[in-house]
Every structure is written in C-alpha cells, then in structure tokens.
Amino acid sequence: MATLQLSHPATKQMASKWSVLFPTKIATEHQSLVLIKRLLAVSVSCITYLRGLFPESAYGTHYLDELCFRILREDKCCAGSTQIVKWMQGCFDALEKKYVCMHTFPFCAKMDKD
C-alpha cells in the first residue's frame, strides 16, 4: 500500500514542492544558506502572526499544497512589521557575509512559586 502511494503522481508532485522549498539533503553552502533564510522568515512570520502582533495587511499569503503560510512583509501602514523585515534582512546579510555562524534561541519556562 505504501509503495502505491509513493508512486502516485500527485504524491510525487506534493513531495517535490516541499523538497524544492525545504530540501532534505543539503550538499552546498549556498543551499544551506537559502534553507536557513527560509526557515528564519517562516518561523518569525509564524510567531508574529500567531501572537497577533501586526495587522493582516502586514502579511502575504503563500500556499504550499494545502498548507497556508502567512509571511511577514513590509507594510507602509505598520512601521513595526517594516522594522522586523529590515532586521531579518540584516540577519540574512550577516549570514551571507559569514559574520554569524551559530545562533541559539533560549527558551525558559516560568516556574510557579509555592
């Protein structure tokens, strides 16, 4: 059954769309850079959208198969979204120039005090 699903043309087409945007094998430094940029843009956009930080007009809609992505963009009416986009572009520039080789995102949980 799984073999039939993999050989189905629609399944191959769906897999190819994902693999173009988010490849599973990274062979070159350029491919790695492109993937990191895409992941950064999608993750920051997703967080700001889900938290409702900016109005709907500050996001563009992109579809990948049945999945809808809301990607942050510069909006004349929203200075905050424009600033975040400029910061991300600065991050992209730093990555391209190899100023940044590693970045961590620390997360902490608020602990209840008894």
PDB file of N, CA and C in Angstrom:
ATOM      1  N   MET A   1       0.822  -1.196   0.000  1.00  0.00           N
ATOM      2  CA  MET A   1       0.000   0.000   0.000  1.00  0.00           C
ATOM      3  C   MET A   1       0.868   1.263   0.000  1.00  0.00           C
ATOM      4  N   ALA A   2       1.890   1.302   0.839  1.00  0.00           N
ATOM      5  CA  ALA A   2       2.764   2.472   0.881  1.00  0.00           C
ATOM      6  C   ALA A   2       3.485   2.665  -0.444  1.00  0.00           C
ATOM      7  N   THR A   3       3.841   1.578  -1.109  1.00  0.00           N
ATOM      8  CA  THR A   3       4.516   1.675  -2.402  1.00  0.00           C
ATOM      9  C   THR A   3       3.602   2.301  -3.435  1.00  0.00           C
ATOM     10  N   LEU A   4       2.338   1.941  -3.422  1.00  0.00           N
ATOM     11  CA  LEU A   4       1.382   2.527  -4.353  1.00  0.00           C
ATOM     12  C   LEU A   4       1.217   4.020  -4.104  1.00  0.00           C
ATOM     13  N   GLN A   5       1.190   4.424  -2.850  1.00  0.00           N
ATOM     14  CA  GLN A   5       1.043   5.831  -2.526  1.00  0.00           C
ATOM     15  C   GLN A   5       2.260   6.626  -2.989  1.00  0.00           C
ATOM     16  N   LEU A   6       3.447   6.076  -2.829  1.00  0.00           N
ATOM     17  CA  LEU A   6       4.651   6.777  -3.245  1.00  0.00           C
ATOM     18  C   LEU A   6       4.746   6.916  -4.754  1.00  0.00           C
ATOM     19  N   SER A   7       4.209   5.955  -5.481  1.00  0.00           N
ATOM     20  CA  SER A   7       4.300   6.016  -6.931  1.00  0.00           C
ATOM     21  C   SER A   7       3.178   6.838  -7.560  1.00  0.00           C
ATOM     22  N   HIS A   8       2.215   7.247  -6.788  1.00  0.00           N
ATOM     23  CA  HIS A   8       1.100   8.039  -7.296  1.00  0.00           C
ATOM     24  C   HIS A   8       1.620   9.420  -7.720  1.00  0.00           C
ATOM     25  N   PRO A   9       1.272   9.904  -8.923  1.00  0.00           N
ATOM     26  CA  PRO A   9       1.791  11.182  -9.421  1.00  0.00           C
ATOM     27  C   PRO A   9       1.515  12.364  -8.498  1.00  0.00           C
ATOM     28  N   ALA A  10       0.335  12.423  -7.893  1.00  0.00           N
ATOM     29  CA  ALA A  10       0.013  13.549  -7.013  1.00  0.00           C
ATOM     30  C   ALA A  10       0.925  13.562  -5.796  1.00  0.00           C
ATOM     31  N   THR A  11       1.235  12.388  -5.257  1.00  0.00           N
ATOM     32  CA  THR A  11       2.117  12.305  -4.101  1.00  0.00           C
ATOM     33  C   THR A  11       3.518  12.764  -4.473  1.00  0.00           C
ATOM     34  N   LYS A  12       3.989  12.369  -5.646  1.00  0.00           N
ATOM     35  CA  LYS A  12       5.309  12.801  -6.091  1.00  0.00           C
ATOM     36  C   LYS A  12       5.343  14.310  -6.295  1.00  0.00           C
ATOM     37  N   GLN A  13       4.266  14.867  -6.837  1.00  0.00           N
ATOM     38  CA  GLN A  13       4.214  16.302  -7.071  1.00  0.00           C
ATOM     39  C   GLN A  13       4.223  17.056  -5.748  1.00  0.00           C
ATOM     40  N   MET A  14       3.455  16.583  -4.761  1.00  0.00           N
ATOM     41  CA  MET A  14       3.438  17.225  -3.461  1.00  0.00           C
ATOM     42  C   MET A  14       4.809  17.154  -2.820  1.00  0.00           C
ATOM     43  N   ALA A  15       5.448  16.010  -2.880  1.00  0.00           N
ATOM     44  CA  ALA A  15       6.767  15.853  -2.284  1.00  0.00           C
ATOM     45  C   ALA A  15       7.779  16.757  -2.971  1.00  0.00           C
ATOM     46  N   SER A  16       7.660  16.923  -4.279  1.00  0.00           N
ATOM     47  CA  SER A  16       8.622  17.750  -4.989  1.00  0.00           C
ATOM     48  C   SER A  16       8.470  19.228  -4.630  1.00  0.00           C
ATOM     49  N   LYS A  17       7.246  19.701  -4.389  1.00  0.00           N
ATOM     50  CA  LYS A  17       7.057  21.093  -3.973  1.00  0.00           C
ATOM     51  C   LYS A  17       7.746  21.352  -2.638  1.00  0.00           C
ATOM     52  N   TRP A  18       7.575  20.450  -1.696  1.00  0.00           N
ATOM     53  CA  TRP A  18       8.224  20.592  -0.398  1.00  0.00           C
ATOM     54  C   TRP A  18       9.736  20.526  -0.538  1.00  0.00           C
ATOM     55  N   SER A  19      10.208  19.577  -1.347  1.00  0.00           N
ATOM     56  CA  SER A  19      11.657  19.398  -1.455  1.00  0.00           C
ATOM     57  C   SER A  19      12.330  20.560  -2.169  1.00  0.00           C
ATOM     58  N   VAL A  20      11.593  21.292  -2.999  1.00  0.00           N
ATOM     59  CA  VAL A  20      12.172  22.469  -3.643  1.00  0.00           C
ATOM     60  C   VAL A  20      12.379  23.576  -2.612  1.00  0.00           C
ATOM     61  N   LEU A  21      11.381  23.820  -1.778  1.00  0.00           N
ATOM     62  CA  LEU A  21      11.489  24.880  -0.778  1.00  0.00           C
ATOM     63  C   LEU A  21      12.287  24.472   0.452  1.00  0.00           C
ATOM     64  N   PHE A  22      12.120  23.239   0.879  1.00  0.00           N
ATOM     65  CA  PHE A  22      12.792  22.739   2.071  1.00  0.00           C
ATOM     66  C   PHE A  22      13.455  21.398   1.751  1.00  0.00           C
ATOM     67  N   PRO A  23      14.616  21.431   1.073  1.00  0.00           N
ATOM     68  CA  PRO A  23      15.256  20.176   0.660  1.00  0.00           C
ATOM     69  C   PRO A  23      15.702  19.330   1.854  1.00  0.00           C
ATOM     70  N   THR A  24      15.662  18.025   1.664  1.00  0.00           N
ATOM     71  CA  THR A  24      16.069  17.120   2.737  1.00  0.00           C
ATOM     72  C   THR A  24      17.571  16.877   2.737  1.00  0.00           C
ATOM     73  N   LYS A  25      18.208  17.071   1.594  1.00  0.00           N
ATOM     74  CA  LYS A  25      19.658  16.910   1.506  1.00  0.00           C
ATOM     75  C   LYS A  25      20.284  18.244   1.119  1.00  0.00           C
ATOM     76  N   ILE A  26      21.245  18.660   1.918  1.00  0.00           N
ATOM     77  CA  ILE A  26      21.955  19.905   1.667  1.00  0.00           C
ATOM     78  C   ILE A  26      23.382  19.544   1.272  1.00  0.00           C
ATOM     79  N   ALA A  27      23.756  19.869   0.028  1.00  0.00           N
ATOM     80  CA  ALA A  27      25.072  19.486  -0.483  1.00  0.00           C
ATOM     81  C   ALA A  27      26.055  20.651  -0.531  1.00  0.00           C
ATOM     82  N   THR A  28      25.531  21.868  -0.618  1.00  0.00           N
ATOM     83  CA  THR A  28      26.442  23.007  -0.760  1.00  0.00           C
ATOM     84  C   THR A  28      26.168  24.052   0.326  1.00  0.00           C
ATOM     85  N   GLU A  29      27.124  24.937   0.475  1.00  0.00           N
ATOM     86  CA  GLU A  29      26.975  26.026   1.442  1.00  0.00           C
ATOM     87  C   GLU A  29      25.842  26.961   1.027  1.00  0.00           C
ATOM     88  N   HIS A  30      25.696  27.180  -0.263  1.00  0.00           N
ATOM     89  CA  HIS A  30      24.619  28.044  -0.765  1.00  0.00           C
ATOM     90  C   HIS A  30      23.245  27.462  -0.447  1.00  0.00           C
ATOM     91  N   GLN A  31      23.071  26.159  -0.625  1.00  0.00           N
ATOM     92  CA  GLN A  31      21.798  25.509  -0.298  1.00  0.00           C
ATOM     93  C   GLN A  31      21.499  25.647   1.191  1.00  0.00           C
ATOM     94  N   SER A  32      22.515  25.527   2.011  1.00  0.00           N
ATOM     95  CA  SER A  32      22.344  25.681   3.456  1.00  0.00           C
ATOM     96  C   SER A  32      21.909  27.100   3.794  1.00  0.00           C
ATOM     97  N   LEU A  33      22.537  28.083   3.165  1.00  0.00           N
ATOM     98  CA  LEU A  33      22.192  29.480   3.400  1.00  0.00           C
ATOM     99  C   LEU A  33      20.746  29.775   3.008  1.00  0.00           C
ATOM    100  N   VAL A  34      20.331  29.289   1.861  1.00  0.00           N
ATOM    101  CA  VAL A  34      18.960  29.502   1.390  1.00  0.00           C
ATOM    102  C   VAL A  34      17.961  28.852   2.349  1.00  0.00           C
ATOM    103  N   LEU A  35      18.253  27.640   2.799  1.00  0.00           N
ATOM    104  CA  LEU A  35      17.353  26.957   3.732  1.00  0.00           C
ATOM    105  C   LEU A  35      17.237  27.722   5.050  1.00  0.00           C
ATOM    106  N   ILE A  36      18.353  28.185   5.587  1.00  0.00           N
ATOM    107  CA  ILE A  36      18.328  28.934   6.847  1.00  0.00           C
ATOM    108  C   ILE A  36      17.517  30.216   6.699  1.00  0.00           C
ATOM    109  N   LYS A  37      17.673  30.916   5.590  1.00  0.00           N
ATOM    110  CA  LYS A  37      16.894  32.136   5.349  1.00  0.00           C
ATOM    111  C   LYS A  37      15.397  31.829   5.309  1.00  0.00           C
ATOM    112  N   ARG A  38      15.029  30.774   4.607  1.00  0.00           N
ATOM    113  CA  ARG A  38      13.612  30.410   4.514  1.00  0.00           C
ATOM    114  C   ARG A  38      13.045  30.023   5.869  1.00  0.00           C
ATOM    115  N   LEU A  39      13.796  29.232   6.617  1.00  0.00           N
ATOM    116  CA  LEU A  39      13.328  28.810   7.937  1.00  0.00           C
ATOM    117  C   LEU A  39      13.194  30.004   8.882  1.00  0.00           C
ATOM    118  N   LEU A  40      14.131  30.942   8.820  1.00  0.00           N
ATOM    119  CA  LEU A  40      14.056  32.135   9.661  1.00  0.00           C
ATOM    120  C   LEU A  40      12.831  32.974   9.303  1.00  0.00           C
ATOM    121  N   ALA A  41      12.618  33.198   8.015  1.00  0.00           N
ATOM    122  CA  ALA A  41      11.470  34.006   7.582  1.00  0.00           C
ATOM    123  C   ALA A  41      10.145  33.353   7.976  1.00  0.00           C
ATOM    124  N   VAL A  42      10.039  32.057   7.763  1.00  0.00           N
ATOM    125  CA  VAL A  42       8.799  31.354   8.095  1.00  0.00           C
ATOM    126  C   VAL A  42       8.575  31.338   9.606  1.00  0.00           C
ATOM    127  N   SER A  43       9.613  31.071  10.377  1.00  0.00           N
ATOM    128  CA  SER A  43       9.429  30.974  11.832  1.00  0.00           C
ATOM    129  C   SER A  43       9.086  32.320  12.459  1.00  0.00           C
ATOM    130  N   VAL A  44       9.792  33.388  12.087  1.00  0.00           N
ATOM    131  CA  VAL A  44       9.484  34.713  12.637  1.00  0.00           C
ATOM    132  C   VAL A  44       8.084  35.143  12.205  1.00  0.00           C
ATOM    133  N   SER A  45       7.751  34.907  10.954  1.00  0.00           N
ATOM    134  CA  SER A  45       6.417  35.268  10.463  1.00  0.00           C
ATOM    135  C   SER A  45       5.328  34.503  11.204  1.00  0.00           C
ATOM    136  N   CYS A  46       5.547  33.219  11.415  1.00  0.00           N
ATOM    137  CA  CYS A  46       4.556  32.385  12.097  1.00  0.00           C
ATOM    138  C   CYS A  46       4.352  32.854  13.540  1.00  0.00           C
ATOM    139  N   ILE A  47       5.428  33.132  14.231  1.00  0.00           N
ATOM    140  CA  ILE A  47       5.326  33.577  15.628  1.00  0.00           C
ATOM    141  C   ILE A  47       4.593  34.909  15.714  1.00  0.00           C
ATOM    142  N   THR A  48       4.966  35.875  14.878  1.00  0.00           N
ATOM    143  CA  THR A  48       4.311  37.179  14.948  1.00  0.00           C
ATOM    144  C   THR A  48       2.841  37.102  14.534  1.00  0.00           C
ATOM    145  N   TYR A  49       2.535  36.232  13.571  1.00  0.00           N
ATOM    146  CA  TYR A  49       1.134  36.093  13.134  1.00  0.00           C
ATOM    147  C   TYR A  49       0.284  35.441  14.220  1.00  0.00           C
ATOM    148  N   LEU A  50       0.779  34.351  14.783  1.00  0.00           N
ATOM    149  CA  LEU A  50       0.004  33.641  15.801  1.00  0.00           C
ATOM    150  C   LEU A  50      -0.190  34.471  17.067  1.00  0.00           C
ATOM    151  N   ARG A  51       0.731  35.347  17.360  1.00  0.00           N
ATOM    152  CA  ARG A  51       0.595  36.220  18.532  1.00  0.00           C
ATOM    153  C   ARG A  51      -0.191  37.490  18.229  1.00  0.00           C
ATOM    154  N   GLY A  52      -0.543  37.683  16.966  1.00  0.00           N
ATOM    155  CA  GLY A  52      -1.343  38.854  16.594  1.00  0.00           C
ATOM    156  C   GLY A  52      -0.609  40.168  16.754  1.00  0.00           C
ATOM    157  N   LEU A  53       0.689  40.187  16.488  1.00  0.00           N
ATOM    158  CA  LEU A  53       1.478  41.394  16.699  1.00  0.00           C
ATOM    159  C   LEU A  53       1.245  42.479  15.653  1.00  0.00           C
ATOM    160  N   PHE A  54       0.874  42.073  14.441  1.00  0.00           N
ATOM    161  CA  PHE A  54       0.681  43.022  13.355  1.00  0.00           C
ATOM    162  C   PHE A  54      -0.659  42.773  12.676  1.00  0.00           C
ATOM    163  N   PRO A  55      -1.182  43.778  11.964  1.00  0.00           N
ATOM    164  CA  PRO A  55      -2.462  43.588  11.260  1.00  0.00           C
ATOM    165  C   PRO A  55      -2.306  42.629  10.077  1.00  0.00           C
ATOM    166  N   GLU A  56      -3.417  42.131   9.591  1.00  0.00           N
ATOM    167  CA  GLU A  56      -3.428  41.191   8.466  1.00  0.00           C
ATOM    168  C   GLU A  56      -2.709  41.745   7.239  1.00  0.00           C
ATOM    169  N   SER A  57      -2.785  43.044   7.052  1.00  0.00           N
ATOM    170  CA  SER A  57      -2.171  43.654   5.864  1.00  0.00           C
ATOM    171  C   SER A  57      -0.650  43.537   5.860  1.00  0.00           C
ATOM    172  N   ALA A  58      -0.067  43.243   7.004  1.00  0.00           N
ATOM    173  CA  ALA A  58       1.392  43.128   7.110  1.00  0.00           C
ATOM    174  C   ALA A  58       1.902  41.754   6.658  1.00  0.00           C
ATOM    175  N   TYR A  59       1.007  40.870   6.238  1.00  0.00           N
ATOM    176  CA  TYR A  59       1.388  39.507   5.853  1.00  0.00           C
ATOM    177  C   TYR A  59       0.949  39.204   4.426  1.00  0.00           C
ATOM    178  N   GLY A  60       1.810  38.492   3.734  1.00  0.00           N
ATOM    179  CA  GLY A  60       1.456  37.951   2.429  1.00  0.00           C
ATOM    180  C   GLY A  60       1.042  36.503   2.614  1.00  0.00           C
ATOM    181  N   THR A  61       0.188  36.008   1.752  1.00  0.00           N
ATOM    182  CA  THR A  61      -0.283  34.632   1.843  1.00  0.00           C
ATOM    183  C   THR A  61       0.416  33.784   0.799  1.00  0.00           C
ATOM    184  N   HIS A  62       1.006  32.690   1.240  1.00  0.00           N
ATOM    185  CA  HIS A  62       1.674  31.746   0.347  1.00  0.00           C
ATOM    186  C   HIS A  62       1.151  30.354   0.662  1.00  0.00           C
ATOM    187  N   TYR A  63       0.894  29.580  -0.380  1.00  0.00           N
ATOM    188  CA  TYR A  63       0.374  28.227  -0.211  1.00  0.00           C
ATOM    189  C   TYR A  63       1.425  27.212  -0.645  1.00  0.00           C
ATOM    190  N   LEU A  64       1.521  26.161   0.121  1.00  0.00           N
ATOM    191  CA  LEU A  64       2.343  25.008  -0.226  1.00  0.00           C
ATOM    192  C   LEU A  64       1.457  23.798  -0.017  1.00  0.00           C
ATOM    193  N   ASP A  65       1.005  23.222  -1.120  1.00  0.00           N
ATOM    194  CA  ASP A  65      -0.025  22.185  -1.105  1.00  0.00           C
ATOM    195  C   ASP A  65      -1.259  22.767  -0.424  1.00  0.00           C
ATOM    196  N   GLU A  66      -1.782  22.137   0.605  1.00  0.00           N
ATOM    197  CA  GLU A  66      -2.964  22.654   1.291  1.00  0.00           C
ATOM    198  C   GLU A  66      -2.593  23.541   2.478  1.00  0.00           C
ATOM    199  N   LEU A  67      -1.313  23.729   2.717  1.00  0.00           N
ATOM    200  CA  LEU A  67      -0.846  24.495   3.868  1.00  0.00           C
ATOM    201  C   LEU A  67      -0.704  25.971   3.507  1.00  0.00           C
ATOM    202  N   CYS A  68      -1.272  26.835   4.339  1.00  0.00           N
ATOM    203  CA  CYS A  68      -1.220  28.274   4.111  1.00  0.00           C
ATOM    204  C   CYS A  68      -0.154  28.885   5.020  1.00  0.00           C
ATOM    205  N   PHE A  69       0.782  29.617   4.420  1.00  0.00           N
ATOM    206  CA  PHE A  69       1.813  30.323   5.181  1.00  0.00           C
ATOM    207  C   PHE A  69       1.525  31.810   5.118  1.00  0.00           C
ATOM    208  N   ARG A  70       1.598  32.463   6.257  1.00  0.00           N
ATOM    209  CA  ARG A  70       1.472  33.917   6.320  1.00  0.00           C
ATOM    210  C   ARG A  70       2.882  34.459   6.537  1.00  0.00           C
ATOM    211  N   ILE A  71       3.425  35.152   5.537  1.00  0.00           N
ATOM    212  CA  ILE A  71       4.792  35.639   5.583  1.00  0.00           C
ATOM    213  C   ILE A  71       4.787  37.147   5.798  1.00  0.00           C
ATOM    214  N   LEU A  72       5.525  37.580   6.804  1.00  0.00           N
ATOM    215  CA  LEU A  72       5.617  38.995   7.143  1.00  0.00           C
ATOM    216  C   LEU A  72       6.256  39.763   5.989  1.00  0.00           C
ATOM    217  N   ARG A  73       5.724  40.934   5.713  1.00  0.00           N
ATOM    218  CA  ARG A  73       6.272  41.776   4.658  1.00  0.00           C
ATOM    219  C   ARG A  73       6.247  43.227   5.125  1.00  0.00           C
ATOM    220  N   GLU A  74       6.939  44.079   4.395  1.00  0.00           N
ATOM    221  CA  GLU A  74       6.938  45.497   4.731  1.00  0.00           C
ATOM    222  C   GLU A  74       5.552  46.070   4.414  1.00  0.00           C
ATOM    223  N   ASP A  75       5.019  46.816   5.357  1.00  0.00           N
ATOM    224  CA  ASP A  75       3.697  47.418   5.199  1.00  0.00           C
ATOM    225  C   ASP A  75       3.807  48.891   5.571  1.00  0.00           C
ATOM    226  N   LYS A  76       3.424  49.780   4.640  1.00  0.00           N
ATOM    227  CA  LYS A  76       3.522  51.221   4.883  1.00  0.00           C
ATOM    228  C   LYS A  76       2.722  51.640   6.113  1.00  0.00           C
ATOM    229  N   CYS A  77       1.639  50.940   6.360  1.00  0.00           N
ATOM    230  CA  CYS A  77       0.751  51.297   7.475  1.00  0.00           C
ATOM    231  C   CYS A  77       1.224  50.731   8.809  1.00  0.00           C
ATOM    232  N   CYS A  78       2.240  49.881   8.786  1.00  0.00           N
ATOM    233  CA  CYS A  78       2.681  49.231  10.024  1.00  0.00           C
ATOM    234  C   CYS A  78       4.202  49.313  10.125  1.00  0.00           C
ATOM    235  N   ALA A  79       4.669  50.308  10.864  1.00  0.00           N
ATOM    236  CA  ALA A  79       6.117  50.524  10.998  1.00  0.00           C
ATOM    237  C   ALA A  79       6.809  49.341  11.686  1.00  0.00           C
ATOM    238  N   GLY A  80       6.102  48.672  12.580  1.00  0.00           N
ATOM    239  CA  GLY A  80       6.686  47.536  13.301  1.00  0.00           C
ATOM    240  C   GLY A  80       7.031  46.379  12.383  1.00  0.00           C
ATOM    241  N   SER A  81       6.140  46.059  11.455  1.00  0.00           N
ATOM    242  CA  SER A  81       6.417  44.957  10.535  1.00  0.00           C
ATOM    243  C   SER A  81       7.578  45.306   9.608  1.00  0.00           C
ATOM    244  N   THR A  82       7.630  46.562   9.179  1.00  0.00           N
ATOM    245  CA  THR A  82       8.735  47.008   8.330  1.00  0.00           C
ATOM    246  C   THR A  82      10.053  46.888   9.069  1.00  0.00           C
ATOM    247  N   GLN A  83      10.058  47.224  10.351  1.00  0.00           N
ATOM    248  CA  GLN A  83      11.287  47.135  11.147  1.00  0.00           C
ATOM    249  C   GLN A  83      11.735  45.678  11.310  1.00  0.00           C
ATOM    250  N   ILE A  84      10.807  44.785  11.574  1.00  0.00           N
ATOM    251  CA  ILE A  84      11.149  43.369  11.714  1.00  0.00           C
ATOM    252  C   ILE A  84      11.711  42.820  10.401  1.00  0.00           C
ATOM    253  N   VAL A  85      11.096  43.184   9.281  1.00  0.00           N
ATOM    254  CA  VAL A  85      11.585  42.732   7.973  1.00  0.00           C
ATOM    255  C   VAL A  85      13.000  43.249   7.735  1.00  0.00           C
ATOM    256  N   LYS A  86      13.262  44.495   8.088  1.00  0.00           N
ATOM    257  CA  LYS A  86      14.613  45.054   7.928  1.00  0.00           C
ATOM    258  C   LYS A  86      15.609  44.333   8.825  1.00  0.00           C
ATOM    259  N   TRP A  87      15.210  43.985  10.036  1.00  0.00           N
ATOM    260  CA  TRP A  87      16.100  43.226  10.925  1.00  0.00           C
ATOM    261  C   TRP A  87      16.405  41.855  10.330  1.00  0.00           C
ATOM    262  N   MET A  88      15.387  41.210   9.771  1.00  0.00           N
ATOM    263  CA  MET A  88      15.621  39.903   9.149  1.00  0.00           C
ATOM    264  C   MET A  88      16.553  40.036   7.948  1.00  0.00           C
ATOM    265  N   GLN A  89      16.375  41.084   7.159  1.00  0.00           N
ATOM    266  CA  GLN A  89      17.272  41.302   6.032  1.00  0.00           C
ATOM    267  C   GLN A  89      18.698  41.539   6.505  1.00  0.00           C
ATOM    268  N   GLY A  90      18.843  42.204   7.646  1.00  0.00           N
ATOM    269  CA  GLY A  90      20.170  42.383   8.251  1.00  0.00           C
ATOM    270  C   GLY A  90      20.758  41.051   8.685  1.00  0.00           C
ATOM    271  N   CYS A  91      19.922  40.179   9.222  1.00  0.00           N
ATOM    272  CA  CYS A  91      20.367  38.835   9.588  1.00  0.00           C
ATOM    273  C   CYS A  91      20.793  38.051   8.352  1.00  0.00           C
ATOM    274  N   PHE A  92      20.024  38.170   7.283  1.00  0.00           N
ATOM    275  CA  PHE A  92      20.374  37.492   6.029  1.00  0.00           C
ATOM    276  C   PHE A  92      21.730  37.983   5.521  1.00  0.00           C
ATOM    277  N   ASP A  93      21.950  39.293   5.597  1.00  0.00           N
ATOM    278  CA  ASP A  93      23.209  39.875   5.140  1.00  0.00           C
ATOM    279  C   ASP A  93      24.378  39.364   5.989  1.00  0.00           C
ATOM    280  N   ALA A  94      24.169  39.308   7.306  1.00  0.00           N
ATOM    281  CA  ALA A  94      25.213  38.806   8.198  1.00  0.00           C
ATOM    282  C   ALA A  94      25.525  37.333   7.916  1.00  0.00           C
ATOM    283  N   LEU A  95      24.511  36.555   7.618  1.00  0.00           N
ATOM    284  CA  LEU A  95      24.726  35.150   7.269  1.00  0.00           C
ATOM    285  C   LEU A  95      25.509  35.022   5.966  1.00  0.00           C
ATOM    286  N   GLU A  96      25.137  35.828   4.969  1.00  0.00           N
ATOM    287  CA  GLU A  96      25.831  35.783   3.676  1.00  0.00           C
ATOM    288  C   GLU A  96      27.301  36.150   3.809  1.00  0.00           C
ATOM    289  N   LYS A  97      27.592  37.137   4.668  1.00  0.00           N
ATOM    290  CA  LYS A  97      28.975  37.593   4.845  1.00  0.00           C
ATOM    291  C   LYS A  97      29.735  36.756   5.870  1.00  0.00           C
ATOM    292  N   LYS A  98      29.052  35.742   6.418  1.00  0.00           N
ATOM    293  CA  LYS A  98      29.642  34.806   7.376  1.00  0.00           C
ATOM    294  C   LYS A  98      30.074  35.490   8.684  1.00  0.00           C
ATOM    295  N   TYR A  99      29.338  36.543   9.062  1.00  0.00           N
ATOM    296  CA  TYR A  99      29.565  37.170  10.354  1.00  0.00           C
ATOM    297  C   TYR A  99      28.965  36.315  11.469  1.00  0.00           C
ATOM    298  N   VAL A 100      27.934  35.587  11.128  1.00  0.00           N
ATOM    299  CA  VAL A 100      27.228  34.743  12.086  1.00  0.00           C
ATOM    300  C   VAL A 100      27.396  33.299  11.646  1.00  0.00           C
ATOM    301  N   CYS A 101      27.872  32.467  12.544  1.00  0.00           N
ATOM    302  CA  CYS A 101      27.992  31.053  12.187  1.00  0.00           C
ATOM    303  C   CYS A 101      27.070  30.195  13.048  1.00  0.00           C
ATOM    304  N   MET A 102      26.600  30.740  14.168  1.00  0.00           N
ATOM    305  CA  MET A 102      25.692  29.978  15.019  1.00  0.00           C
ATOM    306  C   MET A 102      24.862  30.953  15.846  1.00  0.00           C
ATOM    307  N   HIS A 103      23.615  30.599  16.017  1.00  0.00           N
ATOM    308  CA  HIS A 103      22.732  31.403  16.850  1.00  0.00           C
ATOM    309  C   HIS A 103      21.823  30.459  17.612  1.00  0.00           C
ATOM    310  N   THR A 104      21.609  30.759  18.851  1.00  0.00           N
ATOM    311  CA  THR A 104      20.699  29.937  19.645  1.00  0.00           C
ATOM    312  C   THR A 104      19.528  30.800  20.106  1.00  0.00           C
ATOM    313  N   PHE A 105      18.401  30.162  20.257  1.00  0.00           N
ATOM    314  CA  PHE A 105      17.215  30.824  20.769  1.00  0.00           C
ATOM    315  C   PHE A 105      16.906  30.226  22.140  1.00  0.00           C
ATOM    316  N   PRO A 106      17.243  30.932  23.202  1.00  0.00           N
ATOM    317  CA  PRO A 106      16.964  30.374  24.531  1.00  0.00           C
ATOM    318  C   PRO A 106      15.472  30.481  24.869  1.00  0.00           C
ATOM    319  N   PHE A 107      14.960  29.427  25.437  1.00  0.00           N
ATOM    320  CA  PHE A 107      13.572  29.412  25.896  1.00  0.00           C
ATOM    321  C   PHE A 107      13.596  29.046  27.373  1.00  0.00           C
ATOM    322  N   CYS A 108      12.716  29.669  28.127  1.00  0.00           N
ATOM    323  CA  CYS A 108      12.626  29.291  29.539  1.00  0.00           C
ATOM    324  C   CYS A 108      11.143  29.223  29.918  1.00  0.00           C
ATOM    325  N   ALA A 109      10.877  28.386  30.844  1.00  0.00           N
ATOM    326  CA  ALA A 109       9.507  28.227  31.329  1.00  0.00           C
ATOM    327  C   ALA A 109       9.375  28.987  32.650  1.00  0.00           C
ATOM    328  N   LYS A 110       8.265  29.636  32.809  1.00  0.00           N
ATOM    329  CA  LYS A 110       8.005  30.335  34.059  1.00  0.00           C
ATOM    330  C   LYS A 110       7.640  29.295  35.106  1.00  0.00           C
ATOM    331  N   MET A 111       8.340  29.303  36.182  1.00  0.00           N
ATOM    332  CA  MET A 111       8.108  28.330  37.245  1.00  0.00           C
ATOM    333  C   MET A 111       7.171  28.934  38.286  1.00  0.00           C
ATOM    334  N   ASP A 112       6.206  28.147  38.728  1.00  0.00           N
ATOM    335  CA  ASP A 112       5.310  28.601  39.785  1.00  0.00           C
ATOM    336  C   ASP A 112       6.027  28.515  41.121  1.00  0.00           C
ATOM    337  N   LYS A 113       5.890  29.576  41.901  1.00  0.00           N
ATOM    338  CA  LYS A 113       6.490  29.588  43.236  1.00  0.00           C
ATOM    339  C   LYS A 113       5.420  29.192  44.247  1.00  0.00           C
ATOM    340  N   ASP A 114       5.772  28.277  45.097  1.00  0.00           N
ATOM    341  CA  ASP A 114       4.813  27.829  46.125  1.00  0.00           C
ATOM    342  C   ASP A 114       4.857  28.699  47.354  1.00  0.00           C
TER     343      ASP A 114
END
